[in-house]
Amino acid sequence: MKNYIYLFLLVFASCTQTPKKTDVNPQFYGEFLYLADAAVLNTGTEIYGVIIDEKMHALHDLCTTIKRDEYDMIPVYVKGAVETKQPDEEGWDKRIKITSIDSLVNPIDNSILKPN
């Protein structure tokens, strides 16, 4: 009987442990491009639409300083939340809402640029 009590306590204790925290804003590496009213992030395995907001404009401003022309895609490291579009909406099936900008890669000399 005593063994059953210990077994029960062991199972109960393992069930009540808090789950490990998952990163709600994973990091993405990809090539970023913003033209007129559309922004995309190409990760090589997936192409995401980027939600146009203040963070996206901040990323675009950083990329503008190192672009060779307006169609140059800049390699970036960003964190963001992935959203799936609604069936009645236009655009990419998956979209990223950028939450933070980690760094950019200068395409001319492959140096890493960190935003302030």
PDB file of N, CA and C in Angstrom:
ATOM      1  N   MET A   1       0.827  -1.187   0.000  1.00  0.00           N
ATOM      2  CA  MET A   1       0.000   0.000   0.000  1.00  0.00           C
ATOM      3  C   MET A   1       0.873   1.253   0.000  1.00  0.00           C
ATOM      4  N   LYS A   2       1.937   1.215   0.783  1.00  0.00           N
ATOM      5  CA  LYS A   2       2.834   2.346   0.881  1.00  0.00           C
ATOM      6  C   LYS A   2       3.459   2.653  -0.487  1.00  0.00           C
ATOM      7  N   ASN A   3       3.781   1.588  -1.243  1.00  0.00           N
ATOM      8  CA  ASN A   3       4.369   1.777  -2.575  1.00  0.00           C
ATOM      9  C   ASN A   3       3.395   2.476  -3.523  1.00  0.00           C
ATOM     10  N   TYR A   4       2.116   2.169  -3.411  1.00  0.00           N
ATOM     11  CA  TYR A   4       1.120   2.807  -4.259  1.00  0.00           C
ATOM     12  C   TYR A   4       1.002   4.292  -3.954  1.00  0.00           C
ATOM     13  N   ILE A   5       1.125   4.646  -2.709  1.00  0.00           N
ATOM     14  CA  ILE A   5       1.063   6.052  -2.319  1.00  0.00           C
ATOM     15  C   ILE A   5       2.254   6.797  -2.911  1.00  0.00           C
ATOM     16  N   TYR A   6       3.449   6.220  -2.826  1.00  0.00           N
ATOM     17  CA  TYR A   6       4.637   6.856  -3.406  1.00  0.00           C
ATOM     18  C   TYR A   6       4.503   6.978  -4.932  1.00  0.00           C
ATOM     19  N   LEU A   7       3.971   5.935  -5.545  1.00  0.00           N
ATOM     20  CA  LEU A   7       3.778   5.965  -6.987  1.00  0.00           C
ATOM     21  C   LEU A   7       2.781   7.065  -7.367  1.00  0.00           C
ATOM     22  N   PHE A   8       1.701   7.169  -6.627  1.00  0.00           N
ATOM     23  CA  PHE A   8       0.706   8.208  -6.876  1.00  0.00           C
ATOM     24  C   PHE A   8       1.312   9.597  -6.721  1.00  0.00           C
ATOM     25  N   LEU A   9       2.084   9.801  -5.660  1.00  0.00           N
ATOM     26  CA  LEU A   9       2.714  11.106  -5.447  1.00  0.00           C
ATOM     27  C   LEU A   9       3.710  11.440  -6.555  1.00  0.00           C
ATOM     28  N   LEU A  10       4.432  10.436  -7.022  1.00  0.00           N
ATOM     29  CA  LEU A  10       5.390  10.649  -8.094  1.00  0.00           C
ATOM     30  C   LEU A  10       4.676  11.053  -9.380  1.00  0.00           C
ATOM     31  N   VAL A  11       3.611  10.356  -9.720  1.00  0.00           N
ATOM     32  CA  VAL A  11       2.841  10.684 -10.930  1.00  0.00           C
ATOM     33  C   VAL A  11       2.200  12.060 -10.777  1.00  0.00           C
ATOM     34  N   PHE A  12       1.637  12.349  -9.633  1.00  0.00           N
ATOM     35  CA  PHE A  12       0.998  13.638  -9.392  1.00  0.00           C
ATOM     36  C   PHE A  12       2.011  14.768  -9.494  1.00  0.00           C
ATOM     37  N   ALA A  13       3.187  14.589  -8.918  1.00  0.00           N
ATOM     38  CA  ALA A  13       4.218  15.626  -8.954  1.00  0.00           C
ATOM     39  C   ALA A  13       4.690  15.874 -10.387  1.00  0.00           C
ATOM     40  N   SER A  14       4.808  14.828 -11.184  1.00  0.00           N
ATOM     41  CA  SER A  14       5.269  15.012 -12.560  1.00  0.00           C
ATOM     42  C   SER A  14       4.206  15.701 -13.406  1.00  0.00           C
ATOM     43  N   CYS A  15       2.939  15.540 -13.075  1.00  0.00           N
ATOM     44  CA  CYS A  15       1.864  16.174 -13.835  1.00  0.00           C
ATOM     45  C   CYS A  15       1.692  17.641 -13.477  1.00  0.00           C
ATOM     46  N   THR A  16       2.113  18.038 -12.311  1.00  0.00           N
ATOM     47  CA  THR A  16       1.897  19.410 -11.884  1.00  0.00           C
ATOM     48  C   THR A  16       3.064  20.336 -12.191  1.00  0.00           C
ATOM     49  N   GLN A  17       4.128  19.810 -12.799  1.00  0.00           N
ATOM     50  CA  GLN A  17       5.250  20.673 -13.143  1.00  0.00           C
ATOM     51  C   GLN A  17       4.824  21.613 -14.250  1.00  0.00           C
ATOM     52  N   THR A  18       5.331  22.818 -14.188  1.00  0.00           N
ATOM     53  CA  THR A  18       4.977  23.786 -15.218  1.00  0.00           C
ATOM     54  C   THR A  18       5.667  23.421 -16.523  1.00  0.00           C
ATOM     55  N   PRO A  19       4.963  23.552 -17.629  1.00  0.00           N
ATOM     56  CA  PRO A  19       5.572  23.207 -18.908  1.00  0.00           C
ATOM     57  C   PRO A  19       6.669  24.194 -19.277  1.00  0.00           C
ATOM     58  N   LYS A  20       7.596  23.743 -20.093  1.00  0.00           N
ATOM     59  CA  LYS A  20       8.671  24.622 -20.534  1.00  0.00           C
ATOM     60  C   LYS A  20       8.088  25.730 -21.384  1.00  0.00           C
ATOM     61  N   LYS A  21       8.648  26.904 -21.244  1.00  0.00           N
ATOM     62  CA  LYS A  21       8.181  28.049 -22.002  1.00  0.00           C
ATOM     63  C   LYS A  21       8.640  27.929 -23.444  1.00  0.00           C
ATOM     64  N   THR A  22       7.726  28.107 -24.365  1.00  0.00           N
ATOM     65  CA  THR A  22       8.099  28.111 -25.770  1.00  0.00           C
ATOM     66  C   THR A  22       8.205  29.551 -26.235  1.00  0.00           C
ATOM     67  N   ASP A  23       9.072  29.777 -27.192  1.00  0.00           N
ATOM     68  CA  ASP A  23       9.272  31.121 -27.711  1.00  0.00           C
ATOM     69  C   ASP A  23       8.078  31.481 -28.583  1.00  0.00           C
ATOM     70  N   VAL A  24       7.273  32.431 -28.120  1.00  0.00           N
ATOM     71  CA  VAL A  24       6.090  32.816 -28.875  1.00  0.00           C
ATOM     72  C   VAL A  24       6.455  33.657 -30.096  1.00  0.00           C
ATOM     73  N   ASN A  25       7.646  34.201 -30.121  1.00  0.00           N
ATOM     74  CA  ASN A  25       8.115  34.978 -31.255  1.00  0.00           C
ATOM     75  C   ASN A  25       9.430  34.391 -31.761  1.00  0.00           C
ATOM     76  N   PRO A  26       9.332  33.354 -32.598  1.00  0.00           N
ATOM     77  CA  PRO A  26      10.559  32.725 -33.081  1.00  0.00           C
ATOM     78  C   PRO A  26      11.347  33.657 -33.997  1.00  0.00           C
ATOM     79  N   GLN A  27      12.630  33.324 -34.166  1.00  0.00           N
ATOM     80  CA  GLN A  27      13.491  34.128 -35.024  1.00  0.00           C
ATOM     81  C   GLN A  27      13.454  33.578 -36.446  1.00  0.00           C
ATOM     82  N   PHE A  28      13.433  34.476 -37.394  1.00  0.00           N
ATOM     83  CA  PHE A  28      13.427  34.121 -38.803  1.00  0.00           C
ATOM     84  C   PHE A  28      14.625  34.761 -39.473  1.00  0.00           C
ATOM     85  N   TYR A  29      15.221  34.019 -40.408  1.00  0.00           N
ATOM     86  CA  TYR A  29      16.268  34.566 -41.266  1.00  0.00           C
ATOM     87  C   TYR A  29      15.754  34.475 -42.689  1.00  0.00           C
ATOM     88  N   GLY A  30      15.821  35.569 -43.404  1.00  0.00           N
ATOM     89  CA  GLY A  30      15.363  35.550 -44.784  1.00  0.00           C
ATOM     90  C   GLY A  30      15.694  36.842 -45.476  1.00  0.00           C
ATOM     91  N   GLU A  31      15.319  36.900 -46.747  1.00  0.00           N
ATOM     92  CA  GLU A  31      15.550  38.095 -47.553  1.00  0.00           C
ATOM     93  C   GLU A  31      14.275  38.922 -47.546  1.00  0.00           C
ATOM     94  N   PHE A  32      14.422  40.198 -47.185  1.00  0.00           N
ATOM     95  CA  PHE A  32      13.293  41.109 -47.022  1.00  0.00           C
ATOM     96  C   PHE A  32      13.212  42.063 -48.201  1.00  0.00           C
ATOM     97  N   LEU A  33      11.979  42.311 -48.659  1.00  0.00           N
ATOM     98  CA  LEU A  33      11.747  43.278 -49.729  1.00  0.00           C
ATOM     99  C   LEU A  33      10.425  43.970 -49.481  1.00  0.00           C
ATOM    100  N   TYR A  34      10.428  45.291 -49.623  1.00  0.00           N
ATOM    101  CA  TYR A  34       9.210  46.087 -49.508  1.00  0.00           C
ATOM    102  C   TYR A  34       9.117  46.980 -50.730  1.00  0.00           C
ATOM    103  N   LEU A  35       8.026  46.844 -51.462  1.00  0.00           N
ATOM    104  CA  LEU A  35       7.765  47.675 -52.630  1.00  0.00           C
ATOM    105  C   LEU A  35       6.343  48.204 -52.542  1.00  0.00           C
ATOM    106  N   ALA A  36       6.204  49.502 -52.664  1.00  0.00           N
ATOM    107  CA  ALA A  36       4.899  50.175 -52.695  1.00  0.00           C
ATOM    108  C   ALA A  36       4.001  49.764 -51.532  1.00  0.00           C
ATOM    109  N   ASP A  37       3.156  48.763 -51.714  1.00  0.00           N
ATOM    110  CA  ASP A  37       2.220  48.382 -50.654  1.00  0.00           C
ATOM    111  C   ASP A  37       2.287  46.893 -50.320  1.00  0.00           C
ATOM    112  N   ALA A  38       3.429  46.259 -50.590  1.00  0.00           N
ATOM    113  CA  ALA A  38       3.586  44.834 -50.279  1.00  0.00           C
ATOM    114  C   ALA A  38       4.990  44.573 -49.753  1.00  0.00           C
ATOM    115  N   ALA A  39       5.071  43.733 -48.729  1.00  0.00           N
ATOM    116  CA  ALA A  39       6.363  43.353 -48.145  1.00  0.00           C
ATOM    117  C   ALA A  39       6.395  41.839 -48.021  1.00  0.00           C
ATOM    118  N   VAL A  40       7.567  41.252 -48.319  1.00  0.00           N
ATOM    119  CA  VAL A  40       7.715  39.803 -48.213  1.00  0.00           C
ATOM    120  C   VAL A  40       9.017  39.453 -47.512  1.00  0.00           C
ATOM    121  N   LEU A  41       9.034  38.258 -46.921  1.00  0.00           N
ATOM    122  CA  LEU A  41      10.228  37.691 -46.319  1.00  0.00           C
ATOM    123  C   LEU A  41      10.377  36.290 -46.895  1.00  0.00           C
ATOM    124  N   ASN A  42      11.451  36.067 -47.660  1.00  0.00           N
ATOM    125  CA  ASN A  42      11.727  34.778 -48.285  1.00  0.00           C
ATOM    126  C   ASN A  42      12.780  34.070 -47.446  1.00  0.00           C
ATOM    127  N   THR A  43      12.385  32.981 -46.765  1.00  0.00           N
ATOM    128  CA  THR A  43      13.320  32.255 -45.898  1.00  0.00           C
ATOM    129  C   THR A  43      14.055  31.150 -46.632  1.00  0.00           C
ATOM    130  N   GLY A  44      13.720  30.941 -47.889  1.00  0.00           N
ATOM    131  CA  GLY A  44      14.330  29.859 -48.646  1.00  0.00           C
ATOM    132  C   GLY A  44      13.445  28.629 -48.692  1.00  0.00           C
ATOM    133  N   THR A  45      12.719  28.382 -47.616  1.00  0.00           N
ATOM    134  CA  THR A  45      11.783  27.261 -47.586  1.00  0.00           C
ATOM    135  C   THR A  45      10.341  27.739 -47.592  1.00  0.00           C
ATOM    136  N   GLU A  46      10.130  28.989 -47.261  1.00  0.00           N
ATOM    137  CA  GLU A  46       8.783  29.541 -47.167  1.00  0.00           C
ATOM    138  C   GLU A  46       8.847  31.025 -47.521  1.00  0.00           C
ATOM    139  N   ILE A  47       7.787  31.515 -48.138  1.00  0.00           N
ATOM    140  CA  ILE A  47       7.675  32.950 -48.409  1.00  0.00           C
ATOM    141  C   ILE A  47       6.503  33.464 -47.592  1.00  0.00           C
ATOM    142  N   TYR A  48       6.784  34.470 -46.771  1.00  0.00           N
ATOM    143  CA  TYR A  48       5.774  35.063 -45.904  1.00  0.00           C
ATOM    144  C   TYR A  48       5.475  36.478 -46.370  1.00  0.00           C
ATOM    145  N   GLY A  49       4.221  36.857 -46.292  1.00  0.00           N
ATOM    146  CA  GLY A  49       3.880  38.255 -46.405  1.00  0.00           C
ATOM    147  C   GLY A  49       4.230  38.906 -45.083  1.00  0.00           C
ATOM    148  N   VAL A  50       4.635  40.158 -45.109  1.00  0.00           N
ATOM    149  CA  VAL A  50       4.962  40.868 -43.870  1.00  0.00           C
ATOM    150  C   VAL A  50       3.876  41.902 -43.625  1.00  0.00           C
ATOM    151  N   ILE A  51       3.336  41.897 -42.428  1.00  0.00           N
ATOM    152  CA  ILE A  51       2.295  42.856 -42.070  1.00  0.00           C
ATOM    153  C   ILE A  51       2.906  44.250 -42.025  1.00  0.00           C
ATOM    154  N   ILE A  52       2.292  45.169 -42.735  1.00  0.00           N
ATOM    155  CA  ILE A  52       2.816  46.530 -42.839  1.00  0.00           C
ATOM    156  C   ILE A  52       2.377  47.314 -41.612  1.00  0.00           C
ATOM    157  N   ASP A  53       3.357  47.611 -40.776  1.00  0.00           N
ATOM    158  CA  ASP A  53       3.131  48.389 -39.560  1.00  0.00           C
ATOM    159  C   ASP A  53       4.407  49.172 -39.240  1.00  0.00           C
ATOM    160  N   GLU A  54       4.503  49.719 -38.048  1.00  0.00           N
ATOM    161  CA  GLU A  54       5.656  50.539 -37.672  1.00  0.00           C
ATOM    162  C   GLU A  54       6.963  49.757 -37.689  1.00  0.00           C
ATOM    163  N   LYS A  55       6.947  48.514 -37.202  1.00  0.00           N
ATOM    164  CA  LYS A  55       8.170  47.691 -37.186  1.00  0.00           C
ATOM    165  C   LYS A  55       8.640  47.383 -38.599  1.00  0.00           C
ATOM    166  N   MET A  56       7.697  47.097 -39.494  1.00  0.00           N
ATOM    167  CA  MET A  56       8.061  46.809 -40.879  1.00  0.00           C
ATOM    168  C   MET A  56       8.681  48.048 -41.518  1.00  0.00           C
ATOM    169  N   HIS A  57       8.108  49.225 -41.255  1.00  0.00           N
ATOM    170  CA  HIS A  57       8.670  50.470 -41.795  1.00  0.00           C
ATOM    171  C   HIS A  57      10.051  50.747 -41.211  1.00  0.00           C
ATOM    172  N   ALA A  58      10.254  50.426 -39.936  1.00  0.00           N
ATOM    173  CA  ALA A  58      11.580  50.598 -39.328  1.00  0.00           C
ATOM    174  C   ALA A  58      12.595  49.674 -40.011  1.00  0.00           C
ATOM    175  N   LEU A  59      12.201  48.433 -40.295  1.00  0.00           N
ATOM    176  CA  LEU A  59      13.086  47.510 -40.999  1.00  0.00           C
ATOM    177  C   LEU A  59      13.377  48.015 -42.404  1.00  0.00           C
ATOM    178  N   HIS A  60      12.366  48.504 -43.081  1.00  0.00           N
ATOM    179  CA  HIS A  60      12.555  49.044 -44.433  1.00  0.00           C
ATOM    180  C   HIS A  60      13.516  50.230 -44.418  1.00  0.00           C
ATOM    181  N   ASP A  61      13.389  51.100 -43.442  1.00  0.00           N
ATOM    182  CA  ASP A  61      14.294  52.256 -43.337  1.00  0.00           C
ATOM    183  C   ASP A  61      15.740  51.800 -43.152  1.00  0.00           C
ATOM    184  N   LEU A  62      15.951  50.760 -42.336  1.00  0.00           N
ATOM    185  CA  LEU A  62      17.303  50.230 -42.144  1.00  0.00           C
ATOM    186  C   LEU A  62      17.839  49.613 -43.433  1.00  0.00           C
ATOM    187  N   CYS A  63      16.984  48.909 -44.153  1.00  0.00           N
ATOM    188  CA  CYS A  63      17.402  48.253 -45.400  1.00  0.00           C
ATOM    189  C   CYS A  63      17.700  49.261 -46.509  1.00  0.00           C
ATOM    190  N   THR A  64      16.985  50.367 -46.523  1.00  0.00           N
ATOM    191  CA  THR A  64      17.146  51.365 -47.579  1.00  0.00           C
ATOM    192  C   THR A  64      18.568  51.895 -47.634  1.00  0.00           C
ATOM    193  N   THR A  65      19.215  52.002 -46.487  1.00  0.00           N
ATOM    194  CA  THR A  65      20.566  52.577 -46.461  1.00  0.00           C
ATOM    195  C   THR A  65      21.612  51.663 -47.086  1.00  0.00           C
ATOM    196  N   ILE A  66      21.336  50.352 -47.196  1.00  0.00           N
ATOM    197  CA  ILE A  66      22.335  49.438 -47.754  1.00  0.00           C
ATOM    198  C   ILE A  66      21.898  48.795 -49.072  1.00  0.00           C
ATOM    199  N   LYS A  67      20.717  49.150 -49.563  1.00  0.00           N
ATOM    200  CA  LYS A  67      20.242  48.593 -50.831  1.00  0.00           C
ATOM    201  C   LYS A  67      21.039  49.142 -51.998  1.00  0.00           C
ATOM    202  N   ARG A  68      21.299  48.276 -52.982  1.00  0.00           N
ATOM    203  CA  ARG A  68      21.963  48.717 -54.207  1.00  0.00           C
ATOM    204  C   ARG A  68      20.952  49.287 -55.189  1.00  0.00           C
ATOM    205  N   ASP A  69      19.726  48.742 -55.188  1.00  0.00           N
ATOM    206  CA  ASP A  69      18.624  49.293 -55.984  1.00  0.00           C
ATOM    207  C   ASP A  69      17.317  48.956 -55.282  1.00  0.00           C
ATOM    208  N   GLU A  70      16.205  49.440 -55.812  1.00  0.00           N
ATOM    209  CA  GLU A  70      14.943  49.276 -55.101  1.00  0.00           C
ATOM    210  C   GLU A  70      14.451  47.833 -55.044  1.00  0.00           C
ATOM    211  N   TYR A  71      14.973  46.956 -55.910  1.00  0.00           N
ATOM    212  CA  TYR A  71      14.558  45.554 -55.930  1.00  0.00           C
ATOM    213  C   TYR A  71      15.525  44.631 -55.192  1.00  0.00           C
ATOM    214  N   ASP A  72      16.528  45.187 -54.555  1.00  0.00           N
ATOM    215  CA  ASP A  72      17.513  44.399 -53.820  1.00  0.00           C
ATOM    216  C   ASP A  72      16.873  43.830 -52.552  1.00  0.00           C
ATOM    217  N   MET A  73      16.967  42.505 -52.381  1.00  0.00           N
ATOM    218  CA  MET A  73      16.436  41.856 -51.180  1.00  0.00           C
ATOM    219  C   MET A  73      17.556  41.787 -50.148  1.00  0.00           C
ATOM    220  N   ILE A  74      17.295  42.278 -48.947  1.00  0.00           N
ATOM    221  CA  ILE A  74      18.298  42.359 -47.897  1.00  0.00           C
ATOM    222  C   ILE A  74      18.117  41.197 -46.915  1.00  0.00           C
ATOM    223  N   PRO A  75      19.192  40.420 -46.650  1.00  0.00           N
ATOM    224  CA  PRO A  75      19.108  39.359 -45.642  1.00  0.00           C
ATOM    225  C   PRO A  75      18.935  39.966 -44.241  1.00  0.00           C
ATOM    226  N   VAL A  76      17.938  39.491 -43.522  1.00  0.00           N
ATOM    227  CA  VAL A  76      17.623  40.034 -42.198  1.00  0.00           C
ATOM    228  C   VAL A  76      17.363  38.905 -41.207  1.00  0.00           C
ATOM    229  N   TYR A  77      17.582  39.216 -39.934  1.00  0.00           N
ATOM    230  CA  TYR A  77      17.189  38.356 -38.814  1.00  0.00           C
ATOM    231  C   TYR A  77      16.139  39.135 -38.032  1.00  0.00           C
ATOM    232  N   VAL A  78      14.924  38.592 -37.961  1.00  0.00           N
ATOM    233  CA  VAL A  78      13.842  39.252 -37.239  1.00  0.00           C
ATOM    234  C   VAL A  78      13.115  38.230 -36.375  1.00  0.00           C
ATOM    235  N   LYS A  79      12.434  38.731 -35.369  1.00  0.00           N
ATOM    236  CA  LYS A  79      11.531  37.898 -34.583  1.00  0.00           C
ATOM    237  C   LYS A  79      10.121  38.345 -34.918  1.00  0.00           C
ATOM    238  N   GLY A  80       9.210  37.368 -34.920  1.00  0.00           N
ATOM    239  CA  GLY A  80       7.844  37.722 -35.259  1.00  0.00           C
ATOM    240  C   GLY A  80       6.879  36.596 -35.001  1.00  0.00           C
ATOM    241  N   ALA A  81       5.624  36.945 -35.112  1.00  0.00           N
ATOM    242  CA  ALA A  81       4.547  35.981 -34.927  1.00  0.00           C
ATOM    243  C   ALA A  81       3.939  35.675 -36.285  1.00  0.00           C
ATOM    244  N   VAL A  82       3.754  34.381 -36.571  1.00  0.00           N
ATOM    245  CA  VAL A  82       3.180  33.958 -37.839  1.00  0.00           C
ATOM    246  C   VAL A  82       1.661  33.895 -37.698  1.00  0.00           C
ATOM    247  N   GLU A  83       0.985  34.476 -38.668  1.00  0.00           N
ATOM    248  CA  GLU A  83      -0.473  34.450 -38.717  1.00  0.00           C
ATOM    249  C   GLU A  83      -0.899  33.821 -40.033  1.00  0.00           C
ATOM    250  N   THR A  84      -2.004  33.106 -40.028  1.00  0.00           N
ATOM    251  CA  THR A  84      -2.565  32.541 -41.244  1.00  0.00           C
ATOM    252  C   THR A  84      -3.684  33.451 -41.717  1.00  0.00           C
ATOM    253  N   LYS A  85      -3.702  33.728 -43.023  1.00  0.00           N
ATOM    254  CA  LYS A  85      -4.720  34.643 -43.539  1.00  0.00           C
ATOM    255  C   LYS A  85      -6.089  33.971 -43.560  1.00  0.00           C
ATOM    256  N   GLN A  86      -7.097  34.773 -43.502  1.00  0.00           N
ATOM    257  CA  GLN A  86      -8.466  34.293 -43.594  1.00  0.00           C
ATOM    258  C   GLN A  86      -8.783  33.969 -45.058  1.00  0.00           C
ATOM    259  N   PRO A  87      -9.680  33.042 -45.318  1.00  0.00           N
ATOM    260  CA  PRO A  87      -9.985  32.661 -46.704  1.00  0.00           C
ATOM    261  C   PRO A  87     -10.473  33.824 -47.575  1.00  0.00           C
ATOM    262  N   ASP A  88     -11.113  34.812 -46.975  1.00  0.00           N
ATOM    263  CA  ASP A  88     -11.652  35.929 -47.761  1.00  0.00           C
ATOM    264  C   ASP A  88     -10.645  37.067 -47.950  1.00  0.00           C
ATOM    265  N   GLU A  89      -9.429  36.922 -47.434  1.00  0.00           N
ATOM    266  CA  GLU A  89      -8.403  37.955 -47.560  1.00  0.00           C
ATOM    267  C   GLU A  89      -7.485  37.669 -48.740  1.00  0.00           C
ATOM    268  N   GLU A  90      -6.889  38.731 -49.274  1.00  0.00           N
ATOM    269  CA  GLU A  90      -5.911  38.592 -50.343  1.00  0.00           C
ATOM    270  C   GLU A  90      -4.519  38.483 -49.741  1.00  0.00           C
ATOM    271  N   GLY A  91      -3.575  38.005 -50.532  1.00  0.00           N
ATOM    272  CA  GLY A  91      -2.187  37.984 -50.100  1.00  0.00           C
ATOM    273  C   GLY A  91      -1.671  36.583 -49.808  1.00  0.00           C
ATOM    274  N   TRP A  92      -0.494  36.551 -49.199  1.00  0.00           N
ATOM    275  CA  TRP A  92       0.178  35.292 -48.878  1.00  0.00           C
ATOM    276  C   TRP A  92      -0.615  34.523 -47.835  1.00  0.00           C
ATOM    277  N   ASP A  93      -0.523  33.188 -47.899  1.00  0.00           N
ATOM    278  CA  ASP A  93      -1.234  32.343 -46.935  1.00  0.00           C
ATOM    279  C   ASP A  93      -0.739  32.565 -45.518  1.00  0.00           C
ATOM    280  N   LYS A  94       0.585  32.762 -45.374  1.00  0.00           N
ATOM    281  CA  LYS A  94       1.162  33.000 -44.047  1.00  0.00           C
ATOM    282  C   LYS A  94       1.777  34.390 -44.025  1.00  0.00           C
ATOM    283  N   ARG A  95       1.545  35.082 -42.909  1.00  0.00           N
ATOM    284  CA  ARG A  95       2.084  36.427 -42.735  1.00  0.00           C
ATOM    285  C   ARG A  95       2.846  36.510 -41.430  1.00  0.00           C
ATOM    286  N   ILE A  96       3.851  37.373 -41.413  1.00  0.00           N
ATOM    287  CA  ILE A  96       4.633  37.603 -40.194  1.00  0.00           C
ATOM    288  C   ILE A  96       4.368  39.008 -39.698  1.00  0.00           C
ATOM    289  N   LYS A  97       4.100  39.098 -38.420  1.00  0.00           N
ATOM    290  CA  LYS A  97       4.039  40.399 -37.746  1.00  0.00           C
ATOM    291  C   LYS A  97       5.361  40.538 -37.014  1.00  0.00           C
ATOM    292  N   ILE A  98       6.212  41.430 -37.485  1.00  0.00           N
ATOM    293  CA  ILE A  98       7.545  41.598 -36.903  1.00  0.00           C
ATOM    294  C   ILE A  98       7.419  42.204 -35.516  1.00  0.00           C
ATOM    295  N   THR A  99       8.057  41.555 -34.536  1.00  0.00           N
ATOM    296  CA  THR A  99       8.041  42.070 -33.169  1.00  0.00           C
ATOM    297  C   THR A  99       9.364  42.720 -32.791  1.00  0.00           C
ATOM    298  N   SER A 100      10.470  42.251 -33.400  1.00  0.00           N
ATOM    299  CA  SER A 100      11.763  42.883 -33.141  1.00  0.00           C
ATOM    300  C   SER A 100      12.712  42.611 -34.306  1.00  0.00           C
ATOM    301  N   ILE A 101      13.632  43.546 -34.499  1.00  0.00           N
ATOM    302  CA  ILE A 101      14.635  43.446 -35.550  1.00  0.00           C
ATOM    303  C   ILE A 101      15.959  43.127 -34.887  1.00  0.00           C
ATOM    304  N   ASP A 102      16.532  41.970 -35.239  1.00  0.00           N
ATOM    305  CA  ASP A 102      17.797  41.565 -34.634  1.00  0.00           C
ATOM    306  C   ASP A 102      18.971  42.159 -35.396  1.00  0.00           C
ATOM    307  N   SER A 103      19.080  41.861 -36.684  1.00  0.00           N
ATOM    308  CA  SER A 103      20.203  42.381 -37.457  1.00  0.00           C
ATOM    309  C   SER A 103      19.937  42.252 -38.950  1.00  0.00           C
ATOM    310  N   LEU A 104      20.792  42.916 -39.726  1.00  0.00           N
ATOM    311  CA  LEU A 104      20.754  42.877 -41.180  1.00  0.00           C
ATOM    312  C   LEU A 104      22.125  42.471 -41.676  1.00  0.00           C
ATOM    313  N   VAL A 105      22.163  41.896 -42.865  1.00  0.00           N
ATOM    314  CA  VAL A 105      23.434  41.534 -43.480  1.00  0.00           C
ATOM    315  C   VAL A 105      23.636  42.453 -44.686  1.00  0.00           C
ATOM    316  N   ASN A 106      24.749  43.187 -44.679  1.00  0.00           N
ATOM    317  CA  ASN A 106      25.057  44.072 -45.791  1.00  0.00           C
ATOM    318  C   ASN A 106      25.414  43.208 -46.999  1.00  0.00           C
ATOM    319  N   PRO A 107      24.659  43.301 -48.107  1.00  0.00           N
ATOM    320  CA  PRO A 107      24.927  42.434 -49.249  1.00  0.00           C
ATOM    321  C   PRO A 107      26.235  42.747 -49.973  1.00  0.00           C
ATOM    322  N   ILE A 108      26.805  43.903 -49.740  1.00  0.00           N
ATOM    323  CA  ILE A 108      28.040  44.286 -50.422  1.00  0.00           C
ATOM    324  C   ILE A 108      29.243  43.577 -49.812  1.00  0.00           C
ATOM    325  N   ASP A 109      29.349  43.599 -48.484  1.00  0.00           N
ATOM    326  CA  ASP A 109      30.530  42.999 -47.846  1.00  0.00           C
ATOM    327  C   ASP A 109      30.193  41.920 -46.805  1.00  0.00           C
ATOM    328  N   ASN A 110      28.935  41.524 -46.726  1.00  0.00           N
ATOM    329  CA  ASN A 110      28.455  40.492 -45.785  1.00  0.00           C
ATOM    330  C   ASN A 110      28.695  40.828 -44.324  1.00  0.00           C
ATOM    331  N   SER A 111      28.829  42.108 -44.002  1.00  0.00           N
ATOM    332  CA  SER A 111      28.972  42.499 -42.607  1.00  0.00           C
ATOM    333  C   SER A 111      27.587  42.507 -41.944  1.00  0.00           C
ATOM    334  N   ILE A 112      27.575  42.256 -40.640  1.00  0.00           N
ATOM    335  CA  ILE A 112      26.344  42.223 -39.856  1.00  0.00           C
ATOM    336  C   ILE A 112      26.099  43.609 -39.283  1.00  0.00           C
ATOM    337  N   LEU A 113      24.885  44.123 -39.488  1.00  0.00           N
ATOM    338  CA  LEU A 113      24.500  45.430 -38.971  1.00  0.00           C
ATOM    339  C   LEU A 113      23.427  45.246 -37.910  1.00  0.00           C
ATOM    340  N   LYS A 114      23.658  45.799 -36.743  1.00  0.00           N
ATOM    341  CA  LYS A 114      22.688  45.720 -35.655  1.00  0.00           C
ATOM    342  C   LYS A 114      22.002  47.084 -35.511  1.00  0.00           C
ATOM    343  N   PRO A 115      20.667  47.100 -35.412  1.00  0.00           N
ATOM    344  CA  PRO A 115      19.968  48.371 -35.208  1.00  0.00           C
ATOM    345  C   PRO A 115      20.246  48.893 -33.799  1.00  0.00           C
ATOM    346  N   ASN A 116      20.122  50.194 -33.647  1.00  0.00           N
ATOM    347  CA  ASN A 116      20.359  50.812 -32.318  1.00  0.00           C
ATOM    348  C   ASN A 116      19.235  50.547 -31.378  1.00  0.00           C
TER     349      ASN A 116
END
